[in-house]
C-alpha atoms as a PDB file:
ATOM      1  CA  MET A   1       7.592 -36.951 -38.596  1.00  0.00           C
ATOM      2  CA  GLN A   2       5.454 -35.331 -35.911  1.00  0.00           C
ATOM      3  CA  ALA A   3       6.982 -34.620 -32.533  1.00  0.00           C
ATOM      4  CA  SER A   4       4.958 -35.556 -29.489  1.00  0.00           C
ATOM      5  CA  PHE A   5       5.124 -32.756 -26.925  1.00  0.00           C
ATOM      6  CA  ALA A   6       3.110 -34.690 -24.353  1.00  0.00           C
ATOM      7  CA  ASN A   7       6.155 -36.764 -23.469  1.00  0.00           C
ATOM      8  CA  ARG A   8       8.270 -33.663 -22.905  1.00  0.00           C
ATOM      9  CA  LEU A   9       5.964 -31.794 -20.542  1.00  0.00           C
ATOM     10  CA  SER A  10       5.877 -32.451 -16.837  1.00  0.00           C
ATOM     11  CA  THR A  11       3.718 -31.204 -14.007  1.00  0.00           C
ATOM     12  CA  ASN A  12       6.533 -31.965 -11.594  1.00  0.00           C
ATOM     13  CA  MET A  13       8.391 -28.776 -12.387  1.00  0.00           C
ATOM     14  CA  TYR A  14      11.254 -27.736 -10.182  1.00  0.00           C
ATOM     15  CA  VAL A  15      10.749 -24.285  -8.689  1.00  0.00           C
ATOM     16  CA  GLU A  16      13.851 -22.344  -7.798  1.00  0.00           C
ATOM     17  CA  ASN A  17      14.034 -21.100  -4.217  1.00  0.00           C
ATOM     18  CA  SER A  18      14.368 -17.599  -5.619  1.00  0.00           C
ATOM     19  CA  GLU A  19      10.849 -17.953  -7.080  1.00  0.00           C
ATOM     20  CA  LYS A  20       9.434 -18.541  -3.596  1.00  0.00           C
ATOM     21  CA  ARG A  21      10.741 -15.235  -2.261  1.00  0.00           C
ATOM     22  CA  VAL A  22       8.431 -13.071  -0.211  1.00  0.00           C
ATOM     23  CA  ASN A  23       9.356  -9.684   1.137  1.00  0.00           C
ATOM     24  CA  ALA A  24       7.145  -8.680   4.041  1.00  0.00           C
ATOM     25  CA  ARG A  25       8.507  -5.118   3.851  1.00  0.00           C
ATOM     26  CA  SER A  26       6.820  -4.422   0.549  1.00  0.00           C
ATOM     27  CA  GLN A  27       3.258  -4.539  -0.661  1.00  0.00           C
ATOM     28  CA  PHE A  28       2.117  -4.646  -4.278  1.00  0.00           C
ATOM     29  CA  PHE A  29      -1.058  -2.842  -5.377  1.00  0.00           C
ATOM     30  CA  LEU A  30      -2.678  -3.098  -8.804  1.00  0.00           C
ATOM     31  CA  LEU A  31      -5.085  -0.226  -9.422  1.00  0.00           C
ATOM     32  CA  GLN A  32      -6.970   0.971 -12.479  1.00  0.00           C
ATOM     33  CA  SER A  33      -7.221   4.440 -13.929  1.00  0.00           C
ATOM     34  CA  ASP A  34      -9.491   4.977 -16.933  1.00  0.00           C
ATOM     35  CA  GLY A  35      -9.459   1.211 -17.492  1.00  0.00           C
ATOM     36  CA  ASN A  36      -5.654   1.043 -17.541  1.00  0.00           C
ATOM     37  CA  PRO A  37      -3.798  -1.000 -14.907  1.00  0.00           C
ATOM     38  CA  ILE A  38      -1.300   0.896 -12.774  1.00  0.00           C
ATOM     39  CA  SER A  39       1.011  -0.887 -10.357  1.00  0.00           C
ATOM     40  CA  PHE A  40       2.417   0.524  -7.131  1.00  0.00           C
ATOM     41  CA  TYR A  41       4.684  -0.830  -4.434  1.00  0.00           C
ATOM     42  CA  SER A  42       4.609   0.495  -0.906  1.00  0.00           C
ATOM     43  CA  PHE A  43       7.264  -0.279   1.710  1.00  0.00           C
ATOM     44  CA  ARG A  44       7.641  -0.269   5.461  1.00  0.00           C
ATOM     45  CA  PRO A  45      10.887   0.198   7.427  1.00  0.00           C
ATOM     46  CA  GLU A  46      12.858  -3.014   7.810  1.00  0.00           C
ATOM     47  CA  ASP A  47      12.989  -2.848  11.610  1.00  0.00           C
ATOM     48  CA  VAL A  48       9.270  -2.134  12.246  1.00  0.00           C
ATOM     49  CA  VAL A  49       7.502  -5.438  11.591  1.00  0.00           C
ATOM     50  CA  ASP A  50       4.028  -4.274  12.687  1.00  0.00           C
ATOM     51  CA  ALA A  51       3.996  -1.260  10.346  1.00  0.00           C
ATOM     52  CA  VAL A  52       1.539  -1.443   7.428  1.00  0.00           C
ATOM     53  CA  PRO A  53       2.611  -0.290   3.930  1.00  0.00           C
ATOM     54  CA  ALA A  54      -0.328   1.451   2.248  1.00  0.00           C
ATOM     55  CA  LEU A  55      -1.539   3.987  -0.335  1.00  0.00           C
ATOM     56  CA  ILE A  56      -3.484   7.205   0.181  1.00  0.00           C
ATOM     57  CA  VAL A  57      -6.171   7.094  -2.509  1.00  0.00           C
ATOM     58  CA  ASP A  58      -8.525   9.921  -1.488  1.00  0.00           C
ATOM     59  CA  LEU A  59      -8.213  13.094   0.533  1.00  0.00           C
ATOM     60  CA  SER A  60     -10.633  15.697   1.844  1.00  0.00           C
ATOM     61  CA  SER A  61     -10.642  18.372   4.513  1.00  0.00           C
ATOM     62  CA  ASP A  62     -12.325  15.881   6.868  1.00  0.00           C
ATOM     63  CA  GLY A  63      -9.854  13.022   6.448  1.00  0.00           C
ATOM     64  CA  LEU A  64      -8.393  10.555   4.016  1.00  0.00           C
ATOM     65  CA  GLN A  65      -8.938   7.097   2.553  1.00  0.00           C
ATOM     66  CA  ILE A  66      -6.139   4.580   2.635  1.00  0.00           C
ATOM     67  CA  LEU A  67      -5.802   1.316   0.751  1.00  0.00           C
ATOM     68  CA  THR A  68      -4.124  -1.630   2.489  1.00  0.00           C
ATOM     69  CA  ALA A  69      -3.562  -5.151   1.233  1.00  0.00           C
ATOM     70  CA  ASN A  70      -5.158  -6.684   4.317  1.00  0.00           C
ATOM     71  CA  ALA A  71      -8.053  -8.991   3.597  1.00  0.00           C
ATOM     72  CA  GLU A  72      -9.548  -7.837   6.903  1.00  0.00           C
ATOM     73  CA  ALA A  73      -9.919  -4.454   8.564  1.00  0.00           C
ATOM     74  CA  LEU A  74      -6.907  -3.037  10.383  1.00  0.00           C
ATOM     75  CA  ALA A  75      -6.422  -4.484  13.861  1.00  0.00           C
ATOM     76  CA  GLN A  76      -6.279  -1.129  15.655  1.00  0.00           C
ATOM     77  CA  LYS A  77      -8.057   2.216  15.434  1.00  0.00           C
ATOM     78  CA  ASN A  78      -5.193   4.615  16.199  1.00  0.00           C
ATOM     79  CA  TYR A  79      -2.124   4.922  14.002  1.00  0.00           C
ATOM     80  CA  LYS A  80       0.740   7.213  13.164  1.00  0.00           C
ATOM     81  CA  LEU A  81       0.715   7.959   9.430  1.00  0.00           C
ATOM     82  CA  GLU A  82       3.982   8.626   7.652  1.00  0.00           C
ATOM     83  CA  LEU A  83       3.991  10.029   4.131  1.00  0.00           C
ATOM     84  CA  VAL A  84       6.590   8.263   2.000  1.00  0.00           C
ATOM     85  CA  THR A  85       8.676  10.164  -0.488  1.00  0.00           C
ATOM     86  CA  VAL A  86      11.111   8.686  -2.987  1.00  0.00           C
ATOM     87  CA  GLY A  87      13.861   6.893  -1.108  1.00  0.00           C
ATOM     88  CA  GLN A  88      12.534   7.899   2.307  1.00  0.00           C
ATOM     89  CA  VAL A  89      10.818   5.249   4.440  1.00  0.00           C
ATOM     90  CA  GLY A  90      10.911   5.483   8.202  1.00  0.00           C
ATOM     91  CA  SER A  91      12.344   8.979   8.442  1.00  0.00           C
ATOM     92  CA  GLY A  92       9.434  11.272   7.593  1.00  0.00           C
ATOM     93  CA  LYS A  93       7.011  13.363   9.564  1.00  0.00           C
ATOM     94  CA  GLN A  94       4.195  11.423  11.241  1.00  0.00           C
ATOM     95  CA  TYR A  95       0.544  12.392  11.804  1.00  0.00           C
ATOM     96  CA  ASP A  96      -1.962  10.961  14.287  1.00  0.00           C
ATOM     97  CA  VAL A  97      -4.895   9.322  12.472  1.00  0.00           C
ATOM     98  CA  HIS A  98      -7.937   7.376  13.651  1.00  0.00           C
ATOM     99  CA  ALA A  99      -9.697   4.670  11.604  1.00  0.00           C
ATOM    100  CA  VAL A 100     -13.411   5.474  11.270  1.00  0.00           C
ATOM    101  CA  TRP A 101     -14.660   2.835   8.806  1.00  0.00           C
ATOM    102  CA  SER A 102     -13.379   0.015   6.577  1.00  0.00           C
ATOM    103  CA  ARG A 103     -14.761  -1.835   3.568  1.00  0.00           C
ATOM    104  CA  PRO A 104     -13.393  -4.303   1.040  1.00  0.00           C
ATOM    105  CA  ASP A 105     -12.120  -2.773  -2.201  1.00  0.00           C
ATOM    106  CA  GLY A 106     -11.384  -5.628  -4.594  1.00  0.00           C
ATOM    107  CA  VAL A 107      -8.654  -7.717  -2.974  1.00  0.00           C
ATOM    108  CA  ASN A 108      -7.663  -4.770  -0.778  1.00  0.00           C
ATOM    109  CA  MET A 109      -9.232  -2.984   2.178  1.00  0.00           C
ATOM    110  CA  ARG A 110     -10.185   0.702   1.967  1.00  0.00           C
ATOM    111  CA  THR A 111     -10.223   2.504   5.320  1.00  0.00           C
ATOM    112  CA  GLY A 112     -11.416   6.009   6.103  1.00  0.00           C
ATOM    113  CA  PHE A 113      -9.301   7.922   8.600  1.00  0.00           C
ATOM    114  CA  ALA A 114      -9.930  11.134  10.501  1.00  0.00           C
ATOM    115  CA  THR A 115      -7.203  13.350  11.912  1.00  0.00           C
ATOM    116  CA  GLU A 116      -6.922  16.400  14.128  1.00  0.00           C
ATOM    117  CA  GLU A 117      -4.097  17.649  11.900  1.00  0.00           C
ATOM    118  CA  SER A 118      -6.152  17.606   8.707  1.00  0.00           C
ATOM    119  CA  SER A 119      -5.208  21.042   7.347  1.00  0.00           C
ATOM    120  CA  GLU A 120      -1.473  20.405   7.725  1.00  0.00           C
ATOM    121  CA  LEU A 121      -1.785  16.848   6.415  1.00  0.00           C
ATOM    122  CA  VAL A 122      -3.842  17.986   3.398  1.00  0.00           C
ATOM    123  CA  LYS A 123      -1.205  20.600   2.506  1.00  0.00           C
ATOM    124  CA  ASP A 124       1.633  18.098   2.804  1.00  0.00           C
ATOM    125  CA  VAL A 125      -0.168  15.418   0.754  1.00  0.00           C
ATOM    126  CA  GLU A 126      -1.114  17.891  -1.976  1.00  0.00           C
ATOM    127  CA  ALA A 127       2.468  19.157  -2.176  1.00  0.00           C
ATOM    128  CA  LEU A 128       3.860  15.628  -2.507  1.00  0.00           C
ATOM    129  CA  LEU A 129       1.244  14.636  -5.096  1.00  0.00           C
ATOM    130  CA  SER A 130       1.968  17.692  -7.228  1.00  0.00           C
ATOM    131  CA  ARG A 131       5.667  16.770  -7.310  1.00  0.00           C
ATOM    132  CA  SER A 132       5.142  13.056  -7.985  1.00  0.00           C
ATOM    133  CA  GLY A 133       2.635  13.201 -10.849  1.00  0.00           C
ATOM    134  CA  ASP A 134       0.809  10.178  -9.386  1.00  0.00           C
ATOM    135  CA  ARG A 135      -2.812  10.069  -8.254  1.00  0.00           C
ATOM    136  CA  VAL A 136      -1.962   8.135  -5.116  1.00  0.00           C
ATOM    137  CA  LEU A 137       0.666   8.574  -2.429  1.00  0.00           C
ATOM    138  CA  ARG A 138       2.584   5.892  -0.616  1.00  0.00           C
ATOM    139  CA  CYS A 139       2.408   5.863   3.162  1.00  0.00           C
ATOM    140  CA  VAL A 140       3.107   3.711   6.207  1.00  0.00           C
ATOM    141  CA  LEU A 141       0.762   3.155   9.151  1.00  0.00           C
ATOM    142  CA  TYR A 142       2.386   2.555  12.543  1.00  0.00           C
ATOM    143  CA  PRO A 143       0.199   1.138  15.324  1.00  0.00           C
ATOM    144  CA  ASN A 144      -0.153   3.714  18.070  1.00  0.00           C
END
């Protein structure tokens, strides 16, 4: 006897409320390295709703490139940038940065930033990257 699965399937599936959860404090990024997917989460402090969780994906002596999950360019030009270390969000040193350009990067937005504190920022980013073993660094942008 053959079982008919068509009678057992339903498109009116019940979705648990827990499956509808959204956490505005965190942002998920899916990047690729040598064709392999790598996932990252970035967080913002709970009490700063206009802060933007992001990733630093490129760094030079002239500035840095930051990936955000915004479908559009950032709303402002001037931000405070906080480097995020393990377990530390909202308590780190902040740097003044200025958005110079933005362009879509897949589903994300890549933005180039300039800073007056570039030498100090470069040293701090390089030190954190060498300890983490990752190719990107989590950060938070605070509107200035």
